[in-house]
Amino acid sequence: MEHNVLVKKIIGWMEDKKAEEVIHIDVADKSDYTDSLVICSGMGSLHLKAIAEHVITKSRENGVQTISKEGLNSPKWVLLDLGDIVIHIFDRETRDYYKIEELWNVKRKTQMVNKNEE
């Protein structure tokens, strides 16, 4: 599946589970371990797990392997590695604490992605 198409699908899958503040950061020119980061917030450990499990299931259904998954039982942060795409699912407080977007010089509100954009 083409990379940008998959990113849009992942964002849609996250939004299916009511993920908040979903963003995509293209890091292909800045990182040697992945091409994209997709980051979202959830409202507690059960919500984070639901978002992650939905993304894992939908990825598998679309022939995309989850290379690694960390924190599925964590109340704060779940990380999914799909190879070219790394997904971070945070509770709000942890996301605000680590400020991953700022590491890449990205502001959350200016980088919001709409899954319906082409």
N, C-alpha and C. Protein backbone atom coordinates (compact mmCIF):
# COMPACT_ATOMS: atom_id res chain seq x y z
N MET A 1 0.85 -1.17 0.00
CA MET A 1 0.00 0.00 0.00
C MET A 1 0.90 1.24 0.00
N GLU A 2 0.53 2.22 -0.77
CA GLU A 2 1.30 3.46 -0.88
C GLU A 2 1.33 4.17 0.48
N HIS A 3 2.48 4.71 0.82
CA HIS A 3 2.72 5.28 2.15
C HIS A 3 1.67 6.31 2.56
N ASN A 4 1.44 7.32 1.73
CA ASN A 4 0.50 8.39 2.09
C ASN A 4 -0.93 7.88 2.24
N VAL A 5 -1.28 6.89 1.46
CA VAL A 5 -2.60 6.28 1.58
C VAL A 5 -2.72 5.58 2.92
N LEU A 6 -1.68 4.85 3.31
CA LEU A 6 -1.69 4.16 4.59
C LEU A 6 -1.76 5.15 5.75
N VAL A 7 -1.01 6.24 5.69
CA VAL A 7 -1.07 7.25 6.74
C VAL A 7 -2.49 7.76 6.90
N LYS A 8 -3.15 8.07 5.80
CA LYS A 8 -4.54 8.56 5.86
C LYS A 8 -5.47 7.51 6.44
N LYS A 9 -5.25 6.25 6.09
CA LYS A 9 -6.08 5.18 6.65
C LYS A 9 -5.87 5.08 8.16
N ILE A 10 -4.63 5.14 8.60
CA ILE A 10 -4.33 5.07 10.03
C ILE A 10 -5.02 6.20 10.78
N ILE A 11 -4.95 7.40 10.24
CA ILE A 11 -5.62 8.54 10.86
C ILE A 11 -7.12 8.27 10.95
N GLY A 12 -7.69 7.73 9.90
CA GLY A 12 -9.11 7.39 9.91
C GLY A 12 -9.44 6.33 10.94
N TRP A 13 -8.59 5.32 11.06
CA TRP A 13 -8.82 4.27 12.06
C TRP A 13 -8.77 4.84 13.46
N MET A 14 -7.84 5.76 13.69
CA MET A 14 -7.76 6.41 15.00
C MET A 14 -9.02 7.22 15.27
N GLU A 15 -9.46 7.95 14.27
CA GLU A 15 -10.66 8.77 14.44
C GLU A 15 -11.91 7.90 14.61
N ASP A 16 -11.91 6.69 14.04
CA ASP A 16 -13.02 5.75 14.27
C ASP A 16 -13.23 5.52 15.76
N LYS A 17 -12.14 5.53 16.52
CA LYS A 17 -12.17 5.28 17.96
C LYS A 17 -12.11 6.57 18.77
N LYS A 18 -12.42 7.68 18.11
CA LYS A 18 -12.51 8.99 18.78
C LYS A 18 -11.18 9.49 19.35
N ALA A 19 -10.08 9.16 18.68
CA ALA A 19 -8.78 9.72 19.07
C ALA A 19 -8.83 11.23 18.90
N GLU A 20 -8.09 11.92 19.73
CA GLU A 20 -8.09 13.38 19.70
C GLU A 20 -6.76 13.91 19.20
N GLU A 21 -6.80 15.09 18.62
CA GLU A 21 -5.60 15.80 18.16
C GLU A 21 -4.65 14.90 17.37
N VAL A 22 -5.19 14.27 16.36
CA VAL A 22 -4.40 13.37 15.52
C VAL A 22 -3.55 14.20 14.57
N ILE A 23 -2.25 13.93 14.54
CA ILE A 23 -1.38 14.63 13.61
C ILE A 23 -0.45 13.63 12.92
N HIS A 24 0.00 14.04 11.76
CA HIS A 24 1.02 13.29 11.00
C HIS A 24 2.22 14.20 10.83
N ILE A 25 3.40 13.67 11.12
CA ILE A 25 4.64 14.42 10.91
C ILE A 25 5.51 13.61 9.96
N ASP A 26 5.85 14.21 8.83
CA ASP A 26 6.74 13.58 7.85
C ASP A 26 8.17 13.80 8.32
N VAL A 27 8.85 12.71 8.66
CA VAL A 27 10.23 12.80 9.15
C VAL A 27 11.21 12.08 8.23
N ALA A 28 10.79 11.79 7.02
CA ALA A 28 11.61 11.01 6.09
C ALA A 28 12.99 11.63 5.87
N ASP A 29 13.05 12.95 5.79
CA ASP A 29 14.33 13.62 5.57
C ASP A 29 15.11 13.89 6.84
N LYS A 30 14.50 13.56 8.00
CA LYS A 30 15.12 13.89 9.29
C LYS A 30 15.43 12.66 10.13
N SER A 31 14.96 11.50 9.73
CA SER A 31 15.09 10.31 10.57
C SER A 31 15.54 9.13 9.73
N ASP A 32 16.34 8.25 10.35
CA ASP A 32 16.75 7.05 9.64
C ASP A 32 15.97 5.82 10.12
N TYR A 33 15.07 5.99 11.08
CA TYR A 33 14.32 4.83 11.58
C TYR A 33 12.88 4.77 11.11
N THR A 34 12.34 5.86 10.58
CA THR A 34 10.97 5.85 10.08
C THR A 34 10.77 7.03 9.14
N ASP A 35 9.69 6.97 8.37
CA ASP A 35 9.35 8.07 7.46
C ASP A 35 8.28 8.99 8.03
N SER A 36 7.42 8.43 8.89
CA SER A 36 6.29 9.20 9.41
C SER A 36 6.02 8.88 10.87
N LEU A 37 5.58 9.90 11.58
CA LEU A 37 5.04 9.73 12.92
C LEU A 37 3.57 10.10 12.87
N VAL A 38 2.74 9.30 13.49
CA VAL A 38 1.34 9.64 13.66
C VAL A 38 1.11 9.66 15.16
N ILE A 39 0.60 10.77 15.65
CA ILE A 39 0.46 10.99 17.09
C ILE A 39 -0.99 11.36 17.39
N CYS A 40 -1.51 10.81 18.48
CA CYS A 40 -2.85 11.20 18.92
C CYS A 40 -2.94 11.14 20.43
N SER A 41 -4.04 11.65 20.95
CA SER A 41 -4.33 11.59 22.37
C SER A 41 -5.60 10.79 22.59
N GLY A 42 -5.66 10.17 23.78
CA GLY A 42 -6.85 9.45 24.20
C GLY A 42 -7.21 9.86 25.61
N MET A 43 -8.34 9.33 26.09
CA MET A 43 -8.88 9.76 27.37
C MET A 43 -8.74 8.72 28.48
N GLY A 44 -7.64 8.02 28.54
CA GLY A 44 -7.44 7.04 29.59
C GLY A 44 -6.95 5.72 29.03
N SER A 45 -6.52 4.84 29.91
CA SER A 45 -5.87 3.61 29.48
C SER A 45 -6.75 2.73 28.59
N LEU A 46 -8.03 2.61 28.91
CA LEU A 46 -8.92 1.79 28.07
C LEU A 46 -9.08 2.40 26.68
N HIS A 47 -9.16 3.72 26.63
CA HIS A 47 -9.29 4.40 25.35
C HIS A 47 -8.02 4.24 24.51
N LEU A 48 -6.85 4.40 25.15
CA LEU A 48 -5.58 4.23 24.44
C LEU A 48 -5.49 2.82 23.86
N LYS A 49 -5.84 1.83 24.68
CA LYS A 49 -5.78 0.43 24.24
C LYS A 49 -6.76 0.17 23.10
N ALA A 50 -7.96 0.74 23.18
CA ALA A 50 -8.95 0.56 22.12
C ALA A 50 -8.46 1.14 20.80
N ILE A 51 -7.87 2.32 20.85
CA ILE A 51 -7.33 2.94 19.63
C ILE A 51 -6.24 2.05 19.06
N ALA A 52 -5.30 1.63 19.91
CA ALA A 52 -4.16 0.82 19.45
C ALA A 52 -4.63 -0.51 18.86
N GLU A 53 -5.52 -1.20 19.55
CA GLU A 53 -5.99 -2.50 19.06
C GLU A 53 -6.74 -2.37 17.74
N HIS A 54 -7.49 -1.26 17.58
CA HIS A 54 -8.20 -1.03 16.32
C HIS A 54 -7.20 -0.80 15.18
N VAL A 55 -6.16 -0.02 15.44
CA VAL A 55 -5.14 0.22 14.41
C VAL A 55 -4.42 -1.09 14.07
N ILE A 56 -4.09 -1.89 15.07
CA ILE A 56 -3.43 -3.18 14.82
C ILE A 56 -4.31 -4.09 13.98
N THR A 57 -5.58 -4.19 14.34
CA THR A 57 -6.52 -5.06 13.60
C THR A 57 -6.68 -4.59 12.16
N LYS A 58 -6.92 -3.29 11.98
CA LYS A 58 -7.14 -2.76 10.63
C LYS A 58 -5.86 -2.86 9.80
N SER A 59 -4.71 -2.67 10.43
CA SER A 59 -3.44 -2.81 9.70
C SER A 59 -3.30 -4.24 9.18
N ARG A 60 -3.54 -5.20 10.06
CA ARG A 60 -3.45 -6.61 9.68
C ARG A 60 -4.42 -6.91 8.52
N GLU A 61 -5.64 -6.41 8.62
CA GLU A 61 -6.64 -6.62 7.56
C GLU A 61 -6.19 -6.04 6.23
N ASN A 62 -5.34 -5.03 6.28
CA ASN A 62 -4.83 -4.37 5.07
C ASN A 62 -3.43 -4.83 4.69
N GLY A 63 -2.98 -5.92 5.28
CA GLY A 63 -1.70 -6.51 4.91
C GLY A 63 -0.48 -5.79 5.45
N VAL A 64 -0.66 -4.99 6.50
CA VAL A 64 0.44 -4.25 7.09
C VAL A 64 0.81 -4.89 8.42
N GLN A 65 2.08 -5.25 8.55
CA GLN A 65 2.56 -5.92 9.75
C GLN A 65 2.90 -4.91 10.84
N THR A 66 2.48 -5.21 12.05
CA THR A 66 2.92 -4.44 13.21
C THR A 66 4.22 -5.07 13.69
N ILE A 67 5.31 -4.36 13.53
CA ILE A 67 6.63 -4.87 13.88
C ILE A 67 6.80 -4.96 15.39
N SER A 68 6.32 -3.94 16.08
CA SER A 68 6.45 -3.90 17.53
C SER A 68 5.30 -3.12 18.13
N LYS A 69 4.93 -3.51 19.33
CA LYS A 69 3.91 -2.76 20.07
C LYS A 69 4.34 -2.71 21.53
N GLU A 70 4.31 -1.53 22.08
CA GLU A 70 4.75 -1.32 23.46
C GLU A 70 3.68 -0.54 24.22
N GLY A 71 3.45 -0.92 25.45
CA GLY A 71 2.57 -0.15 26.33
C GLY A 71 1.09 -0.42 26.18
N LEU A 72 0.71 -1.53 25.57
CA LEU A 72 -0.73 -1.80 25.40
C LEU A 72 -1.48 -1.81 26.73
N ASN A 73 -0.81 -2.13 27.79
CA ASN A 73 -1.46 -2.11 29.10
C ASN A 73 -1.04 -0.91 29.93
N SER A 74 -0.41 0.05 29.27
CA SER A 74 0.01 1.27 29.95
C SER A 74 -1.13 2.28 29.98
N PRO A 75 -1.29 2.97 31.09
CA PRO A 75 -2.33 3.99 31.14
C PRO A 75 -1.91 5.32 30.52
N LYS A 76 -0.67 5.39 30.02
CA LYS A 76 -0.12 6.69 29.59
C LYS A 76 0.29 6.79 28.13
N TRP A 77 0.89 5.71 27.56
CA TRP A 77 1.52 5.85 26.25
C TRP A 77 1.61 4.49 25.58
N VAL A 78 1.10 4.40 24.36
CA VAL A 78 1.22 3.19 23.55
C VAL A 78 2.01 3.56 22.30
N LEU A 79 2.96 2.71 21.94
CA LEU A 79 3.75 2.92 20.74
C LEU A 79 3.57 1.72 19.82
N LEU A 80 3.26 1.99 18.56
CA LEU A 80 3.15 0.94 17.53
C LEU A 80 4.15 1.25 16.43
N ASP A 81 4.93 0.25 16.06
CA ASP A 81 5.91 0.40 14.99
C ASP A 81 5.43 -0.39 13.78
N LEU A 82 5.10 0.33 12.73
CA LEU A 82 4.68 -0.30 11.47
C LEU A 82 5.78 -0.16 10.43
N GLY A 83 7.01 0.05 10.87
CA GLY A 83 8.13 0.18 9.95
C GLY A 83 8.29 1.61 9.50
N ASP A 84 7.73 1.93 8.37
CA ASP A 84 7.81 3.29 7.83
C ASP A 84 6.96 4.28 8.60
N ILE A 85 6.10 3.77 9.48
CA ILE A 85 5.21 4.62 10.26
C ILE A 85 5.29 4.19 11.72
N VAL A 86 5.57 5.15 12.59
CA VAL A 86 5.58 4.91 14.03
C VAL A 86 4.42 5.71 14.63
N ILE A 87 3.64 5.03 15.46
CA ILE A 87 2.42 5.61 16.03
C ILE A 87 2.60 5.78 17.53
N HIS A 88 2.28 6.98 18.01
CA HIS A 88 2.30 7.27 19.44
C HIS A 88 0.87 7.60 19.85
N ILE A 89 0.36 6.88 20.86
CA ILE A 89 -0.98 7.13 21.39
C ILE A 89 -0.79 7.48 22.87
N PHE A 90 -1.06 8.73 23.21
CA PHE A 90 -0.80 9.26 24.55
C PHE A 90 -2.08 9.59 25.29
N ASP A 91 -2.01 9.57 26.63
CA ASP A 91 -3.03 10.31 27.36
C ASP A 91 -2.61 11.78 27.28
N ARG A 92 -3.51 12.68 27.55
CA ARG A 92 -3.23 14.11 27.35
C ARG A 92 -2.05 14.60 28.18
N GLU A 93 -2.02 14.21 29.44
CA GLU A 93 -0.96 14.69 30.34
C GLU A 93 0.43 14.24 29.88
N THR A 94 0.54 12.99 29.47
CA THR A 94 1.83 12.46 29.02
C THR A 94 2.25 13.12 27.71
N ARG A 95 1.31 13.33 26.82
CA ARG A 95 1.63 14.02 25.56
C ARG A 95 2.12 15.44 25.82
N ASP A 96 1.45 16.12 26.74
CA ASP A 96 1.89 17.48 27.08
C ASP A 96 3.27 17.47 27.74
N TYR A 97 3.56 16.44 28.51
CA TYR A 97 4.85 16.35 29.20
C TYR A 97 6.00 16.11 28.21
N TYR A 98 5.84 15.14 27.30
CA TYR A 98 6.94 14.78 26.40
C TYR A 98 7.05 15.69 25.19
N LYS A 99 5.96 16.29 24.75
CA LYS A 99 5.97 17.27 23.66
C LYS A 99 6.74 16.78 22.43
N ILE A 100 6.43 15.58 22.00
CA ILE A 100 7.14 15.00 20.85
C ILE A 100 7.06 15.89 19.61
N GLU A 101 5.93 16.54 19.42
CA GLU A 101 5.80 17.42 18.25
C GLU A 101 6.89 18.49 18.25
N GLU A 102 7.18 19.01 19.42
CA GLU A 102 8.19 20.08 19.51
C GLU A 102 9.59 19.58 19.18
N LEU A 103 9.86 18.30 19.39
CA LEU A 103 11.15 17.75 19.00
C LEU A 103 11.37 17.87 17.49
N TRP A 104 10.27 17.87 16.76
CA TRP A 104 10.32 17.97 15.30
C TRP A 104 9.93 19.36 14.82
N ASN A 105 9.87 20.33 15.75
CA ASN A 105 9.51 21.71 15.42
C ASN A 105 8.14 21.82 14.77
N VAL A 106 7.19 21.10 15.34
CA VAL A 106 5.83 21.09 14.81
C VAL A 106 4.89 21.56 15.91
N LYS A 107 3.96 22.41 15.55
CA LYS A 107 2.91 22.84 16.48
C LYS A 107 1.68 21.99 16.21
N ARG A 108 1.03 21.52 17.26
CA ARG A 108 -0.13 20.64 17.10
C ARG A 108 -1.23 21.25 16.24
N LYS A 109 -1.65 22.46 16.55
CA LYS A 109 -2.81 23.03 15.87
C LYS A 109 -2.55 23.32 14.40
N THR A 110 -1.32 23.61 14.02
CA THR A 110 -1.04 23.92 12.62
C THR A 110 -0.82 22.68 11.77
N GLN A 111 -0.68 21.52 12.41
CA GLN A 111 -0.40 20.29 11.67
C GLN A 111 -1.54 19.29 11.70
N MET A 112 -2.73 19.73 12.10
CA MET A 112 -3.87 18.82 12.14
C MET A 112 -4.11 18.28 10.73
N VAL A 113 -4.42 17.02 10.63
CA VAL A 113 -4.65 16.37 9.35
C VAL A 113 -6.07 15.90 9.30
N ASN A 114 -6.74 16.20 8.20
CA ASN A 114 -8.10 15.74 7.99
C ASN A 114 -8.04 14.52 7.10
N LYS A 115 -8.62 13.41 7.56
CA LYS A 115 -8.55 12.17 6.78
C LYS A 115 -9.25 12.28 5.43
N ASN A 116 -10.09 13.31 5.26
CA ASN A 116 -10.82 13.48 4.00
C ASN A 116 -10.03 14.29 2.98
N GLU A 117 -8.88 14.86 3.42
CA GLU A 117 -8.05 15.62 2.48
C GLU A 117 -7.40 14.67 1.50
N GLU A 118 -7.20 15.11 0.31
CA GLU A 118 -6.56 14.26 -0.71
C GLU A 118 -5.21 14.81 -1.06
